[in-house]
Protein backbone atom coordinates (compact mmCIF):
# COMPACT_ATOMS: atom_id res chain seq x y z
CA UNK A 1 -39.04 21.78 45.69
CA UNK A 2 -37.74 18.55 48.14
CA UNK A 3 -34.64 18.58 49.53
CA UNK A 4 -33.90 15.32 47.79
CA UNK A 5 -34.78 16.43 44.28
CA UNK A 6 -32.49 19.41 44.93
CA UNK A 7 -29.97 16.83 45.75
CA UNK A 8 -29.96 15.17 42.41
CA UNK A 9 -30.55 18.35 40.48
CA UNK A 10 -27.74 18.87 41.93
CA UNK A 11 -25.85 15.53 41.18
CA UNK A 12 -27.24 15.76 37.61
CA UNK A 13 -25.38 19.01 36.94
CA UNK A 14 -21.94 17.71 38.56
CA UNK A 15 -22.47 14.91 36.18
CA UNK A 16 -23.06 17.54 32.92
CA UNK A 17 -20.17 19.68 33.98
CA UNK A 18 -17.34 16.79 35.08
CA UNK A 19 -18.31 14.95 31.65
CA UNK A 20 -18.40 18.29 29.60
CA UNK A 21 -14.69 18.95 31.36
CA UNK A 22 -13.46 15.77 30.68
CA UNK A 23 -14.71 15.91 27.14
CA UNK A 24 -13.17 19.42 26.34
CA UNK A 25 -9.77 17.54 28.15
CA UNK A 26 -9.82 14.99 25.43
CA UNK A 27 -10.14 17.42 23.09
CA UNK A 28 -7.73 19.31 23.78
CA UNK A 29 -4.78 16.82 24.13
CA UNK A 30 -6.36 15.25 20.57
CA UNK A 31 -5.23 18.63 19.45
CA UNK A 32 -2.45 18.69 20.50
CA UNK A 33 -2.03 15.29 18.59
CA UNK A 34 -2.12 17.13 15.45
CA UNK A 35 -0.56 20.22 16.34
CA UNK A 36 2.32 17.73 16.90
CA UNK A 37 2.15 16.31 13.26
CA UNK A 38 2.33 19.76 11.76
CA UNK A 39 4.95 21.01 14.01
CA UNK A 40 6.70 18.84 12.28
CA UNK A 41 6.11 19.07 8.77
CA UNK A 42 9.31 20.40 7.49
CA UNK A 43 11.25 17.50 9.07
CA UNK A 44 8.39 14.47 7.24
CA UNK A 45 8.88 16.97 4.01
CA UNK A 46 12.59 16.60 4.31
CA UNK A 47 12.44 12.49 4.76
CA UNK A 48 10.01 12.24 2.09
CA UNK A 49 11.68 14.12 -0.41
CA UNK A 50 14.70 11.90 0.24
CA UNK A 51 13.28 8.69 -0.30
CA UNK A 52 11.60 9.84 -3.43
CA UNK A 53 15.21 10.53 -4.54
CA UNK A 54 16.47 7.79 -3.50
CA UNK A 55 13.74 5.71 -5.62
CA UNK A 56 14.48 2.29 -4.57
CA UNK A 57 12.57 -0.79 -5.90
CA UNK A 58 11.37 -3.33 -3.76
CA UNK A 59 13.39 -5.22 -1.19
CA UNK A 60 15.87 -3.13 -2.31
CA UNK A 61 15.21 0.00 -0.28
CA UNK A 62 17.97 -0.19 2.57
CA UNK A 63 18.32 3.25 2.86
CA UNK A 64 14.75 4.76 2.53
CA UNK A 65 14.01 1.91 5.76
CA UNK A 66 16.95 2.99 7.89
CA UNK A 67 15.91 6.50 7.20
CA UNK A 68 12.12 5.52 8.46
CA UNK A 69 13.55 3.54 11.50
CA UNK A 70 16.51 5.67 12.46
CA UNK A 71 13.62 8.41 13.12
CA UNK A 72 11.33 6.45 15.38
CA UNK A 73 14.16 5.65 17.45
CA UNK A 74 15.38 9.17 17.95
CA UNK A 75 11.11 9.44 18.93
CA UNK A 76 11.91 6.30 21.77
CA UNK A 77 10.27 3.86 19.94
CA UNK A 78 12.27 0.03 20.14
CA UNK A 79 12.46 -0.93 16.69
CA UNK A 80 13.25 -4.65 15.75
CA UNK A 81 14.62 -5.03 11.49
CA UNK A 82 15.04 -7.62 9.27
CA UNK A 83 11.75 -9.19 10.87
CA UNK A 84 9.74 -12.10 8.85
CA UNK A 85 13.17 -12.89 6.85
CA UNK A 86 13.08 -9.65 5.06
CA UNK A 87 16.02 -6.86 5.49
CA UNK A 88 13.89 -4.42 4.98
CA UNK A 89 11.18 -5.15 6.68
CA UNK A 90 10.74 -3.70 10.47
CA UNK A 91 8.69 -2.85 12.89
CA UNK A 92 8.79 -0.27 15.52
CA UNK A 93 6.84 -0.29 19.30
CA UNK A 94 6.18 2.40 21.40
CA UNK A 95 4.39 1.53 24.63
CA UNK A 96 2.80 -1.46 26.27
CA UNK A 97 -0.30 -3.30 27.09
CA UNK A 98 -3.54 -2.88 25.36
CA UNK A 99 -4.97 -1.48 22.78
CA UNK A 100 -2.35 -2.67 20.07
CA UNK A 101 -2.77 0.09 17.53
CA UNK A 102 -1.06 -1.31 14.02
CA UNK A 103 0.37 1.62 11.21
CA UNK A 104 1.76 0.22 8.21
CA UNK A 105 4.19 2.14 5.90
CA UNK A 106 5.35 1.68 2.67
CA UNK A 107 7.98 3.21 1.10
CA UNK A 108 9.29 0.53 -2.56
CA UNK A 109 9.24 2.94 -6.00
CA UNK A 110 8.18 1.25 -9.70
CA UNK A 111 10.09 0.45 -12.40
CA UNK A 112 10.23 3.40 -15.85
CA UNK A 113 9.00 5.95 -13.89
CA UNK A 114 12.19 8.21 -13.54
CA UNK A 115 10.69 11.80 -13.58
CA UNK A 116 11.50 15.10 -12.60
CA UNK A 117 9.11 16.77 -10.18
CA UNK A 118 7.76 19.41 -12.95
CA UNK A 119 4.80 19.46 -15.22
CA UNK A 120 6.93 17.84 -18.32
CA UNK A 121 7.52 14.52 -18.73
CA UNK A 122 10.91 13.91 -18.21
CA UNK A 123 13.42 11.73 -17.05
CA UNK A 124 15.21 11.79 -13.66
CA UNK A 125 19.29 10.58 -13.25
CA UNK A 126 20.56 9.01 -10.43
CA UNK A 127 17.23 6.78 -10.18
CA UNK A 128 17.92 4.07 -12.02
CA UNK A 129 14.83 4.48 -13.76
CA UNK A 130 12.34 4.35 -10.72
CA UNK A 131 9.95 6.70 -9.38
CA UNK A 132 7.13 6.59 -6.48
CA UNK A 133 4.38 6.53 -8.86
CA UNK A 134 2.45 5.00 -6.30
CA UNK A 135 3.49 7.71 -3.69
CA UNK A 136 5.33 5.26 -1.19
CA UNK A 137 7.54 7.93 -0.18
CA UNK A 138 4.77 9.65 1.59
CA UNK A 139 3.15 6.66 2.76
CA UNK A 140 5.51 5.62 5.05
CA UNK A 141 6.79 9.04 6.18
CA UNK A 142 2.64 9.61 7.25
CA UNK A 143 2.12 6.42 9.08
CA UNK A 144 5.38 7.36 11.10
CA UNK A 145 4.43 11.16 11.82
CA UNK A 146 1.06 9.17 12.71
CA UNK A 147 2.91 6.61 14.85
CA UNK A 148 5.05 9.42 16.78
CA UNK A 149 2.26 11.96 17.50
CA UNK A 150 0.35 8.86 18.87
CA UNK A 151 3.53 7.75 21.01
CA UNK A 152 3.75 11.52 22.93
CA UNK A 153 0.54 11.54 24.18
CA UNK A 154 0.84 8.04 25.28
CA UNK A 155 4.12 9.36 26.93
CA UNK A 156 2.21 12.09 28.56
CA UNK A 157 -0.70 9.63 29.87
CA UNK A 158 -3.08 11.11 27.99
CA UNK A 159 -3.05 7.32 25.70
CA UNK A 160 -2.94 3.83 26.99
CA UNK A 161 -2.19 1.51 25.29
CA UNK A 162 0.89 0.36 22.41
CA UNK A 163 1.68 1.79 19.15
CA UNK A 164 2.95 -0.01 16.55
CA UNK A 165 4.68 0.63 13.07
CA UNK A 166 5.02 -2.13 10.56
CA UNK A 167 8.06 -0.83 7.96
CA UNK A 168 6.59 -3.08 4.96
CA UNK A 169 8.83 -3.22 1.92
CA UNK A 170 7.83 -4.16 -1.57
CA UNK A 171 3.89 -3.76 -1.38
CA UNK A 172 4.25 -3.68 -5.61
CA UNK A 173 4.64 -7.38 -6.71
CA UNK A 174 6.69 -8.45 -3.42
CA UNK A 175 3.78 -9.06 -1.53
CA UNK A 176 5.61 -8.60 1.96
CA UNK A 177 3.03 -8.24 4.10
CA UNK A 178 2.12 -11.51 3.04
CA UNK A 179 5.14 -12.66 5.03
CA UNK A 180 4.62 -10.50 7.75
CA UNK A 181 1.99 -11.69 8.48
CA UNK A 182 2.15 -15.50 8.20
CA UNK A 183 5.19 -14.58 10.94
CA UNK A 184 2.55 -13.95 13.14
CA UNK A 185 3.39 -10.49 13.53
CA UNK A 186 -0.34 -9.24 13.74
CA UNK A 187 -1.47 -11.53 15.95
CA UNK A 188 -1.46 -9.89 19.37
CA UNK A 189 -3.24 -6.15 16.80
CA UNK A 190 -6.47 -5.11 17.98
CA UNK A 191 -6.77 -2.83 14.73
CA UNK A 192 -4.37 -1.74 11.67
CA UNK A 193 -4.77 1.36 10.24
CA UNK A 194 -3.26 2.19 6.55
CA UNK A 195 -3.90 5.02 3.99
CA UNK A 196 -2.77 5.58 0.23
CA UNK A 197 -2.02 8.40 -1.99
CA UNK A 198 -4.65 9.54 -4.63
CA UNK A 199 -5.70 11.60 -6.83
CA UNK A 200 -8.93 12.31 -4.01
CA UNK A 201 -9.41 12.05 -0.62
CA UNK A 202 -11.58 8.90 -0.05
CA UNK A 203 -12.66 6.47 3.10
CA UNK A 204 -14.81 3.50 3.68
CA UNK A 205 -14.88 -0.19 3.42
CA UNK A 206 -14.32 -0.73 0.10
CA UNK A 207 -12.69 -4.04 -0.89
CA UNK A 208 -9.82 -4.85 -4.20
CA UNK A 209 -8.96 -7.26 -6.23
CA UNK A 210 -6.98 -10.34 -5.20
CA UNK A 211 -3.48 -11.12 -6.60
CA UNK A 212 -0.65 -13.94 -7.84
CA UNK A 213 2.64 -12.92 -9.36
CA UNK A 214 4.75 -14.85 -11.49
CA UNK A 215 7.46 -15.09 -13.97
CA UNK A 216 7.92 -17.79 -16.83
CA UNK A 217 11.01 -18.09 -17.76
CA UNK A 218 11.84 -20.01 -21.15
CA UNK A 219 15.45 -21.47 -22.11
CA UNK A 220 16.42 -22.82 -25.44
CA UNK A 221 19.47 -22.69 -27.43
CA UNK A 222 20.90 -19.86 -29.07
CA UNK A 223 22.03 -20.17 -33.28
CA UNK A 224 22.56 -17.60 -36.24
CA UNK A 225 18.66 -16.71 -36.91
CA UNK A 226 19.74 -16.91 -40.97
CA UNK A 227 22.87 -19.38 -41.57
CA UNK A 228 20.99 -22.35 -38.72
CA UNK A 229 17.58 -21.08 -37.40
CA UNK A 230 16.93 -24.86 -37.59
CA UNK A 231 19.31 -25.71 -34.69
CA UNK A 232 18.10 -22.84 -32.54
CA UNK A 233 14.84 -23.06 -30.05
CA UNK A 234 14.07 -19.80 -29.11
CA UNK A 235 12.83 -18.80 -25.77
CA UNK A 236 11.07 -15.63 -26.96
CA UNK A 237 8.64 -17.61 -29.67
CA UNK A 238 8.07 -19.48 -25.91
CA UNK A 239 7.43 -16.39 -24.43
CA UNK A 240 4.86 -15.13 -27.60
CA UNK A 241 3.02 -18.35 -27.74
CA UNK A 242 3.02 -17.94 -24.07
CA UNK A 243 1.02 -14.51 -24.75
CA UNK A 244 -1.11 -15.60 -27.65
CA UNK A 245 -2.72 -18.26 -25.61
CA UNK A 246 -3.14 -16.59 -22.10
CA UNK A 247 -5.28 -13.62 -24.37
CA UNK A 248 -7.21 -16.47 -25.71
CA UNK A 249 -8.10 -17.01 -22.23
CA UNK A 250 -8.91 -13.82 -21.51
CA UNK A 251 -12.15 -14.87 -23.26
CA UNK A 252 -13.16 -16.97 -20.91
CA UNK A 253 -12.17 -16.04 -17.68
CA UNK A 254 -15.03 -15.04 -15.07
CA UNK A 255 -16.06 -11.11 -15.09
CA UNK A 256 -13.59 -8.74 -13.07
CA UNK A 257 -10.52 -10.76 -14.60
CA UNK A 258 -7.65 -8.47 -14.96
CA UNK A 259 -4.39 -10.89 -16.83
CA UNK A 260 -1.61 -8.19 -17.43
CA UNK A 261 2.00 -9.35 -18.49
CA UNK A 262 5.85 -7.33 -19.65
CA UNK A 263 8.68 -9.05 -21.33
CA UNK A 264 11.25 -8.52 -19.04
CA UNK A 265 14.13 -10.02 -21.52
CA UNK A 266 12.99 -11.12 -24.97
CA UNK A 267 16.66 -11.56 -26.57
CA UNK A 268 19.49 -9.31 -27.18
CA UNK A 269 19.93 -9.79 -31.19
CA UNK A 270 17.54 -10.57 -34.01
CA UNK A 271 20.16 -12.26 -35.55
CA UNK A 272 20.74 -14.20 -32.75
CA UNK A 273 18.01 -17.30 -31.87
CA UNK A 274 17.12 -16.40 -27.88
CA UNK A 275 18.69 -19.08 -25.55
CA UNK A 276 16.54 -16.91 -22.61
CA UNK A 277 13.65 -14.87 -22.15
CA UNK A 278 11.70 -14.19 -19.19
CA UNK A 279 7.36 -12.95 -19.44
CA UNK A 280 6.39 -11.01 -15.72
CA UNK A 281 2.33 -11.65 -15.58
CA UNK A 282 -0.02 -10.51 -13.04
CA UNK A 283 -3.16 -12.24 -11.99
CA UNK A 284 -5.99 -10.36 -10.75
CA UNK A 285 -10.17 -11.37 -9.57
CA UNK A 286 -11.73 -9.89 -6.18
CA UNK A 287 -11.67 -13.61 -5.14
CA UNK A 288 -8.88 -15.06 -3.99
CA UNK A 289 -9.94 -18.88 -4.82
CA UNK A 290 -10.67 -17.46 -8.10
CA UNK A 291 -7.38 -16.06 -8.84
CA UNK A 292 -6.14 -19.53 -7.43
CA UNK A 293 -7.91 -21.58 -10.31
CA UNK A 294 -7.13 -18.85 -13.00
CA UNK A 295 -3.31 -19.24 -12.38
CA UNK A 296 -3.51 -22.69 -13.09
CA UNK A 297 -4.83 -22.32 -16.06
CA UNK A 298 -2.03 -19.43 -17.18
CA UNK A 299 0.50 -21.83 -16.40
CA UNK A 300 -0.87 -24.35 -18.66
CA UNK A 301 -0.29 -21.33 -21.42
CA UNK A 302 3.27 -20.93 -20.14
CA UNK A 303 3.44 -25.14 -20.29
CA UNK A 304 1.90 -24.95 -23.94
CA UNK A 305 4.80 -22.30 -24.81
CA UNK A 306 7.71 -24.53 -24.16
CA UNK A 307 6.31 -27.93 -25.11
CA UNK A 308 5.48 -26.11 -28.67
CA UNK A 309 9.27 -24.17 -28.83
CA UNK A 310 11.26 -27.23 -26.82
CA UNK A 311 12.57 -24.62 -24.42
CA UNK A 312 12.47 -25.35 -20.96
CA UNK A 313 9.61 -23.78 -18.49
CA UNK A 314 11.23 -22.22 -15.36
CA UNK A 315 8.26 -20.90 -12.99
CA UNK A 316 9.46 -18.38 -10.44
CA UNK A 317 6.24 -17.90 -8.36
CA UNK A 318 6.13 -14.30 -6.51
CA UNK A 319 3.22 -15.43 -4.24
CA UNK A 320 -0.05 -13.44 -4.00
CA UNK A 321 -2.55 -10.96 -2.00
CA UNK A 322 -5.96 -11.48 -0.97
CA UNK A 323 -8.94 -9.40 -1.37
CA UNK A 324 -9.28 -6.39 1.16
CA UNK A 325 -11.71 -7.99 4.01
CA UNK A 326 -13.72 -5.28 4.77
CA UNK A 327 -14.45 -3.72 8.30
CA UNK A 328 -17.45 -1.08 8.59
CA UNK A 329 -16.80 -0.72 12.48
CA UNK A 330 -13.43 0.83 12.05
CA UNK A 331 -14.04 2.66 8.46
CA UNK A 332 -17.32 4.78 10.03
CA UNK A 333 -14.61 6.67 12.18
CA UNK A 334 -11.64 6.72 9.95
CA UNK A 335 -14.28 8.02 7.52
CA UNK A 336 -15.70 10.83 9.74
CA UNK A 337 -12.55 11.81 10.76
CA UNK A 338 -10.79 12.32 7.42
CA UNK A 339 -13.89 14.50 6.56
CA UNK A 340 -13.38 16.25 9.81
CA UNK A 341 -9.78 17.53 8.89
CA UNK A 342 -9.94 18.00 4.75
CA UNK A 343 -8.26 21.52 4.34
CA UNK A 344 -6.24 21.13 1.20
CA UNK A 345 -6.08 24.06 -1.15
CA UNK A 346 -4.02 24.88 -3.95
CA UNK A 347 -1.52 28.02 -3.97
CA UNK A 348 -1.43 29.90 -7.46
CA UNK A 349 1.49 28.05 -8.10
CA UNK A 350 0.41 24.80 -7.28
CA UNK A 351 -2.75 25.69 -9.44
CA UNK A 352 -0.75 26.38 -12.54
CA UNK A 353 1.06 23.47 -12.00
CA UNK A 354 -1.98 21.67 -12.04
CA UNK A 355 -3.81 22.85 -14.87
CA UNK A 356 -0.41 21.59 -16.63
CA UNK A 357 -0.59 18.67 -15.42
CA UNK A 358 -4.23 17.76 -16.36
CA UNK A 359 -3.14 19.47 -20.25
CA UNK A 360 -1.26 15.99 -20.08
CA UNK A 361 -4.23 13.71 -18.90
CA UNK A 362 -7.04 11.99 -20.49
CA UNK A 363 -9.79 12.61 -18.42
CA UNK A 364 -8.86 15.47 -15.91
CA UNK A 365 -11.16 16.30 -13.24
CA UNK A 366 -12.17 19.54 -10.92
CA UNK A 367 -9.61 21.06 -8.79
CA UNK A 368 -12.21 21.55 -6.36
CA UNK A 369 -12.23 17.90 -5.85
CA UNK A 370 -9.37 17.64 -3.61
CA UNK A 371 -11.70 19.45 -0.87
CA UNK A 372 -14.26 16.64 -0.86
CA UNK A 373 -14.16 13.45 1.05
CA UNK A 374 -15.59 10.13 -1.22
CA UNK A 375 -17.71 7.43 1.25
CA UNK A 376 -16.25 4.34 -0.85
CA UNK A 377 -18.24 1.90 1.27
CA UNK A 378 -18.92 -1.44 -0.67
CA UNK A 379 -16.72 -0.68 -3.29
CA UNK A 380 -14.31 -2.56 -5.45
CA UNK A 381 -11.19 -0.94 -6.44
CA UNK A 382 -9.52 -2.30 -9.51
CA UNK A 383 -5.99 -2.41 -7.55
CA UNK A 384 -4.65 -5.09 -5.39
CA UNK A 385 -2.55 -4.61 -2.48
CA UNK A 386 -0.74 -7.23 0.09
CA UNK A 387 -2.96 -4.85 3.07
CA UNK A 388 -5.51 -7.27 1.58
CA UNK A 389 -3.67 -9.90 3.84
CA UNK A 390 -3.14 -8.07 6.53
CA UNK A 391 -7.35 -7.53 6.49
CA UNK A 392 -7.59 -11.08 6.75
CA UNK A 393 -5.79 -11.72 10.51
CA UNK A 394 -6.73 -8.24 12.13
CA UNK A 395 -9.09 -5.74 11.60
CA UNK A 396 -7.94 -3.35 9.14
CA UNK A 397 -9.61 0.15 7.85
CA UNK A 398 -7.59 2.67 5.42
CA UNK A 399 -8.28 5.81 3.69
CA UNK A 400 -6.67 7.95 1.05
CA UNK A 401 -5.50 11.51 0.24
CA UNK A 402 -5.28 13.26 -2.84
CA UNK A 403 -1.47 13.48 -2.96
CA UNK A 404 -1.98 14.20 -7.00
CA UNK A 405 -3.69 16.29 -8.67
CA UNK A 406 -7.70 15.15 -9.68
CA UNK A 407 -7.41 12.98 -12.63
CA UNK A 408 -4.08 11.30 -12.34
CA UNK A 409 -3.98 7.75 -12.48
CA UNK A 410 -1.53 6.00 -10.15
CA UNK A 411 1.32 4.42 -11.72
CA UNK A 412 2.27 7.37 -13.98
CA UNK A 413 4.96 9.94 -14.60
CA UNK A 414 2.73 12.54 -13.55
CA UNK A 415 2.10 10.96 -10.28
CA UNK A 416 5.70 10.83 -9.92
CA UNK A 417 6.15 14.70 -10.72
CA UNK A 418 2.80 15.58 -7.95
CA UNK A 419 4.74 13.68 -5.58
CA UNK A 420 7.97 15.29 -5.51
CA UNK A 421 6.03 18.86 -5.16
CA UNK A 422 3.92 20.68 -2.10
CA UNK A 423 0.78 18.90 -3.64
CA UNK A 424 2.12 15.74 -2.61
CA UNK A 425 3.42 17.48 1.11
CA UNK A 426 -0.46 18.72 1.52
CA UNK A 427 -1.77 15.35 1.19
CA UNK A 428 0.65 13.35 2.87
CA UNK A 429 -0.19 15.78 6.35
CA UNK A 430 -4.35 15.00 5.47
CA UNK A 431 -3.00 11.16 5.71
CA UNK A 432 -0.89 11.26 8.81
CA UNK A 433 -3.17 13.42 10.90
CA UNK A 434 -6.17 11.31 9.67
CA UNK A 435 -4.78 8.01 11.01
CA UNK A 436 -3.62 9.72 13.86
CA UNK A 437 -6.60 10.81 15.08
CA UNK A 438 -8.76 7.56 14.24
CA UNK A 439 -5.91 5.58 16.09
CA UNK A 440 -6.83 8.60 18.97
CA UNK A 441 -10.22 7.69 18.91
CA UNK A 442 -10.01 3.96 19.12
CA UNK A 443 -7.60 4.23 21.81
CA UNK A 444 -10.56 5.49 23.82
CA UNK A 445 -13.47 2.99 22.12
CA UNK A 446 -12.98 -0.41 23.54
CA UNK A 447 -16.37 -0.92 22.41
CA UNK A 448 -15.49 -0.18 18.43
CA UNK A 449 -12.54 -2.40 18.59
CA UNK A 450 -14.96 -5.14 20.02
CA UNK A 451 -17.34 -4.58 17.45
CA UNK A 452 -14.71 -4.75 14.73
CA UNK A 453 -13.16 -7.74 16.33
CA UNK A 454 -16.60 -9.43 16.35
CA UNK A 455 -17.30 -8.59 12.60
CA UNK A 456 -13.84 -9.53 11.21
CA UNK A 457 -15.31 -12.95 12.62
CA UNK A 458 -18.51 -12.65 10.66
CA UNK A 459 -16.95 -11.91 7.67
CA UNK A 460 -14.66 -14.66 7.40
CA UNK A 461 -17.25 -17.68 8.14
CA UNK A 462 -17.19 -20.04 5.91
CA UNK A 463 -13.89 -18.84 4.55
CA UNK A 464 -10.61 -20.38 5.86
CA UNK A 465 -7.81 -17.85 4.83
CA UNK A 466 -4.64 -19.20 3.45
CA UNK A 467 -1.62 -17.61 1.96
CA UNK A 468 -1.12 -17.25 -1.67
CA UNK A 469 1.98 -18.91 -1.13
CA UNK A 470 3.53 -22.14 -2.15
CA UNK A 471 4.70 -24.76 0.81
CA UNK A 472 7.90 -23.14 2.58
CA UNK A 473 8.14 -20.20 0.24
CA UNK A 474 10.50 -17.44 1.33
CA UNK A 475 9.98 -13.85 0.36
CA UNK A 476 11.06 -13.36 -3.61
CA UNK A 477 14.08 -10.71 -2.50
CA UNK A 478 14.99 -10.60 -5.91
CA UNK A 479 11.89 -10.20 -8.18
CA UNK A 480 13.59 -6.62 -8.90
CA UNK A 481 16.70 -7.36 -10.32
CA UNK A 482 17.58 -9.10 -13.77
CA UNK A 483 17.40 -13.12 -13.94
CA UNK A 484 19.77 -14.90 -13.95
CA UNK A 485 20.24 -16.79 -17.12
């Protein structure tokens, strides 16, 4: 063998050894990232339980927001509070330069779901009737845990770039991320990651339903319902006519439409003609343009109700959210990391709890599903989220983990109960690790970030993103508060 052959063989072997050593060092550093999250598990669970106890409604999450922000400040993040004109929204940033990876965190609770962390339905005092039926007490904490672990690796010199945590309130109907996006706070991000509690583990480039939220308030005239009904103009009659018209509208709406409502104020006594009533509506469809058209038709139903009853209609338009724009380039990495990290197992005590919960379900699922990861690529989920608007302005990908017993539906007392136990804790920690691992890979993979941006541009071709907001609309900070009559 010639001298040159020996020389080039030596270079080849040296390259393999160096590459292997470098890859090994990267793997060790990535493992430190995950170990750091695990080592703080008790602290993160304490935070999540505290937010679970507070159960603060949308745009009123003062203590929950402050707790997350303070923990990030202690970790060295630069925190900016009250962003986008929202008192409980904030950003927390660590590092400098590119790439900028954003991680979303939520922390609002839902009305009518107060529940102890037990397998029987019962109310929980001190929560004002609110409960974390969508697991947002886990959401914000897990996302902040991932951000802090990444910041540690940036500080150690194992990562280069910026990690930014977004404290995003009022996801449940308040559309906070739409206003945050409108304020330009995502414009320099290279990618944004998010997750959501669920009854199973899943990732992939799924989409969801766009949504508009609105409150119709009717003002009439009070009168004695028996002695002088002719002098009254019933706001409740206007609500009932609106609801009847909306029911007829459903027959003539496009496929996959969802229209649902609750009467939030319906009068106080049957012998008094109600002079004020309010009904709260959601309109959903996979396409935001269709949602806008459906809303106009629903508005006519309310106008007809007011006309027929001689009451005045007040429209409280709360804004809307777009469908998620999928991003396959990012979703592949998210799915891969979730599959590599899934390690959920129930203790015997947790199994007993889960079995009792399943006795209350109409459609329980096998408990061993917590060890599986589902690829939801190409699927349409029937929920809505303001993450959708983020995905139209920056490449975005998400995942879900099993924080609830398999078969438990979101927005249920069972979800609240599970979220206050070790079952919720395990799913939360898995989510934190999967987010951190995905971000880690993206910091080292400029090609994927470039491909994700190109994919976003391609998917937006022929579509103009316009928020489902009225001109000059401000965040509806009072949407969870009782209406002023």
